[in-house]
Amino acid sequence: MCGKTDAVEKVSVLYLTGLGMRTPGGSPRDAGGGVRAARALSIDIPDVPALSRKLAPPASQKQAFMRAVHPDIAVLAFSLILPFFLYGILTSQAEMLPVVLAILAVFYLVYFLERKRLVSRFQAEQAKQKADAERIQHGIERWMRLYYCARDDGVFEPGEDELAPVDMMMGYLLREA
């Protein structure tokens, strides 16, 4: 692993320093920004912003635009507003009511035939999102314990014998424990 402690710094400190948000002592950045703060570190890092990008904490790759809705809730909401539409059709276009009721019957029949598949797909999606969130949370917890070794350009957890190259840090963080 990293031979000497003079070339070691906490990954989170280097990341925040590279962003210009913190100095090595943990105080808010000064007017000089991240590069001057990084030079105050006990290690020599030529390109702090580039290293900071490599040392970024794990994050979810895709942000969900909307929260998924259980199919039964969508059909229930539709069913609750349906009487208002049916009343409007009955009062203004009574001759169309049988056609609309037939279309609704087909809709409900298809839904109940496909319900099991729709619900299982919804549950699988929910389980995948939960597993991804737990994996990211585990990765962030590991990231908070990581140290960077400038001599070997790698990251490690204190007490472990493994040094991962900086470019492979995400795989190191997100692998199964």
Protein backbone atom coordinates (compact mmCIF):
# COMPACT_ATOMS: atom_id res chain seq x y z
CA MET A 1 0.00 0.00 0.00
CA CYS A 2 1.07 3.62 0.25
CA GLY A 3 4.56 3.56 1.71
CA LYS A 4 4.64 6.86 3.59
CA THR A 5 2.02 9.00 5.24
CA ASP A 6 3.43 12.28 3.93
CA ALA A 7 1.72 11.61 0.59
CA VAL A 8 -1.72 10.73 1.99
CA GLU A 9 -4.83 12.87 2.24
CA LYS A 10 -8.50 12.12 2.81
CA VAL A 11 -10.39 11.74 -0.48
CA SER A 12 -13.31 13.91 0.64
CA VAL A 13 -10.95 16.76 1.54
CA LEU A 14 -9.23 16.57 -1.85
CA TYR A 15 -12.58 16.47 -3.63
CA LEU A 16 -13.92 19.53 -1.81
CA THR A 17 -10.58 21.31 -2.18
CA GLY A 18 -10.64 20.70 -5.91
CA LEU A 19 -14.11 22.18 -6.08
CA GLY A 20 -12.81 25.19 -4.17
CA MET A 21 -15.24 24.62 -1.33
CA ARG A 22 -12.88 23.74 1.52
CA THR A 23 -9.31 24.22 2.58
CA PRO A 24 -7.32 21.33 4.02
CA GLY A 25 -8.14 22.42 7.57
CA GLY A 26 -11.85 22.10 6.86
CA SER A 27 -12.63 25.81 6.79
CA PRO A 28 -14.53 27.43 3.94
CA ARG A 29 -12.38 28.39 0.97
CA ASP A 30 -10.49 31.61 0.85
CA ALA A 31 -10.35 34.00 -2.08
CA GLY A 32 -7.61 31.90 -3.75
CA GLY A 33 -9.96 28.96 -4.28
CA GLY A 34 -9.18 25.28 -4.44
CA VAL A 35 -5.78 25.33 -6.13
CA ARG A 36 -4.15 27.50 -3.45
CA ALA A 37 -5.77 25.38 -0.76
CA ALA A 38 -4.49 22.20 -2.41
CA ARG A 39 -0.96 23.60 -2.47
CA ALA A 40 -1.23 23.99 1.30
CA LEU A 41 -1.70 20.22 1.55
CA SER A 42 1.28 18.18 2.52
CA ILE A 43 1.29 16.48 -0.87
CA ASP A 44 2.09 17.76 -4.35
CA ILE A 45 -0.83 17.38 -6.74
CA PRO A 46 -0.28 18.88 -10.19
CA ASP A 47 -3.90 19.13 -11.40
CA VAL A 48 -6.28 19.37 -8.45
CA PRO A 49 -9.53 19.98 -10.42
CA ALA A 50 -8.89 16.92 -12.63
CA LEU A 51 -8.09 14.79 -9.58
CA SER A 52 -11.16 16.18 -7.84
CA ARG A 53 -13.37 15.00 -10.71
CA LYS A 54 -11.85 11.52 -10.45
CA LEU A 55 -12.41 11.48 -6.68
CA ALA A 56 -16.08 12.48 -6.90
CA PRO A 57 -18.43 10.48 -4.67
CA PRO A 58 -20.70 7.91 -6.26
CA ALA A 59 -24.04 9.20 -7.44
CA SER A 60 -27.02 7.78 -9.19
CA GLN A 61 -26.58 7.81 -12.96
CA LYS A 62 -30.14 8.64 -13.88
CA GLN A 63 -32.50 10.90 -12.04
CA ALA A 64 -36.10 9.79 -12.26
CA PHE A 65 -38.26 12.43 -13.89
CA MET A 66 -41.33 11.27 -12.02
CA ARG A 67 -42.00 8.87 -9.24
CA ALA A 68 -43.54 5.65 -10.52
CA VAL A 69 -47.21 5.16 -9.68
CA HIS A 70 -48.68 1.76 -8.91
CA PRO A 71 -50.96 0.71 -11.80
CA ASP A 72 -53.89 0.07 -9.46
CA ILE A 73 -53.71 3.66 -8.16
CA ALA A 74 -53.80 5.01 -11.72
CA VAL A 75 -56.86 2.90 -12.56
CA LEU A 76 -58.53 3.84 -9.27
CA ALA A 77 -58.01 7.55 -9.96
CA PHE A 78 -59.40 7.10 -13.46
CA SER A 79 -62.38 5.19 -12.06
CA LEU A 80 -63.11 7.92 -9.51
CA ILE A 81 -63.37 10.68 -12.11
CA LEU A 82 -65.14 8.47 -14.66
CA PRO A 83 -68.69 9.08 -13.32
CA PHE A 84 -68.34 12.82 -13.99
CA PHE A 85 -67.43 12.17 -17.63
CA LEU A 86 -70.17 9.57 -18.00
CA TYR A 87 -72.74 12.00 -16.60
CA GLY A 88 -71.59 14.66 -19.06
CA ILE A 89 -71.89 12.21 -21.94
CA LEU A 90 -75.35 11.09 -20.72
CA THR A 91 -76.68 14.67 -20.53
CA SER A 92 -75.19 16.00 -23.76
CA GLN A 93 -74.73 12.98 -26.06
CA ALA A 94 -76.88 10.16 -24.69
CA GLU A 95 -76.65 8.17 -27.95
CA MET A 96 -72.85 7.84 -27.45
CA LEU A 97 -73.10 6.38 -23.95
CA PRO A 98 -73.32 2.70 -25.08
CA VAL A 99 -70.23 3.17 -27.27
CA VAL A 100 -68.27 4.79 -24.43
CA LEU A 101 -69.38 2.05 -22.01
CA ALA A 102 -68.24 -0.61 -24.48
CA ILE A 103 -64.83 1.08 -24.82
CA LEU A 104 -64.56 1.29 -21.02
CA ALA A 105 -65.50 -2.40 -20.70
CA VAL A 106 -62.71 -3.31 -23.14
CA PHE A 107 -60.27 -1.07 -21.24
CA TYR A 108 -61.07 -2.67 -17.88
CA LEU A 109 -60.97 -6.19 -19.38
CA VAL A 110 -57.52 -5.57 -20.89
CA TYR A 111 -56.32 -4.02 -17.65
CA PHE A 112 -57.45 -6.94 -15.51
CA LEU A 113 -55.93 -9.42 -17.96
CA GLU A 114 -52.62 -7.53 -17.97
CA ARG A 115 -52.68 -6.46 -14.32
CA LYS A 116 -50.39 -9.21 -13.03
CA ARG A 117 -47.70 -8.36 -15.60
CA LEU A 118 -48.01 -4.61 -14.99
CA VAL A 119 -47.80 -4.97 -11.21
CA SER A 120 -44.82 -7.34 -11.38
CA ARG A 121 -43.01 -4.93 -13.72
CA PHE A 122 -43.77 -2.05 -11.33
CA GLN A 123 -42.49 -4.07 -8.35
CA ALA A 124 -39.33 -5.11 -10.22
CA GLU A 125 -38.65 -1.47 -11.09
CA GLN A 126 -39.17 -0.43 -7.47
CA ALA A 127 -36.84 -3.21 -6.25
CA LYS A 128 -34.16 -2.16 -8.77
CA GLN A 129 -34.39 1.48 -7.69
CA LYS A 130 -34.12 0.47 -4.03
CA ALA A 131 -31.11 -1.78 -4.71
CA ASP A 132 -29.42 1.01 -6.70
CA ALA A 133 -30.04 3.51 -3.90
CA GLU A 134 -28.61 1.11 -1.30
CA ARG A 135 -25.58 0.45 -3.50
CA ILE A 136 -24.96 4.18 -3.90
CA GLN A 137 -25.41 4.72 -0.14
CA HIS A 138 -22.92 1.94 0.60
CA GLY A 139 -20.50 3.50 -1.92
CA ILE A 140 -20.80 6.93 -0.30
CA GLU A 141 -20.15 5.45 3.13
CA ARG A 142 -16.99 3.76 1.79
CA TRP A 143 -16.01 6.98 -0.02
CA MET A 144 -16.12 8.88 3.27
CA ARG A 145 -13.50 6.47 4.69
CA LEU A 146 -11.13 6.58 1.70
CA TYR A 147 -7.69 8.14 1.60
CA TYR A 148 -5.69 9.17 -1.47
CA CYS A 149 -2.04 8.18 -1.85
CA ALA A 150 -0.19 10.62 -4.12
CA ARG A 151 2.88 8.36 -4.41
CA ASP A 152 0.92 5.48 -5.92
CA ASP A 153 -2.00 7.54 -7.35
CA GLY A 154 -4.49 5.29 -5.64
CA VAL A 155 -7.13 5.18 -2.95
CA PHE A 156 -7.40 2.92 0.06
CA GLU A 157 -9.31 2.36 3.28
CA PRO A 158 -7.20 2.44 6.42
CA GLY A 159 -6.68 -1.03 7.80
CA GLU A 160 -7.13 -2.77 4.45
CA ASP A 161 -4.30 -4.08 2.30
CA GLU A 162 -5.82 -3.05 -1.02
CA LEU A 163 -4.86 0.05 -3.00
CA ALA A 164 -7.15 0.83 -5.94
CA PRO A 165 -5.99 3.10 -8.77
CA VAL A 166 -7.88 6.40 -8.83
CA ASP A 167 -9.33 5.61 -12.26
CA MET A 168 -10.87 2.41 -10.85
CA MET A 169 -12.23 4.01 -7.67
CA MET A 170 -15.94 3.72 -8.61
CA GLY A 171 -15.61 -0.02 -9.16
CA TYR A 172 -13.78 -0.27 -5.83
CA LEU A 173 -16.51 1.69 -4.04
CA LEU A 174 -19.54 0.07 -5.63
CA ARG A 175 -18.46 -3.54 -5.61
CA GLU A 176 -20.26 -5.90 -3.27
CA ALA A 177 -18.93 -5.88 0.26
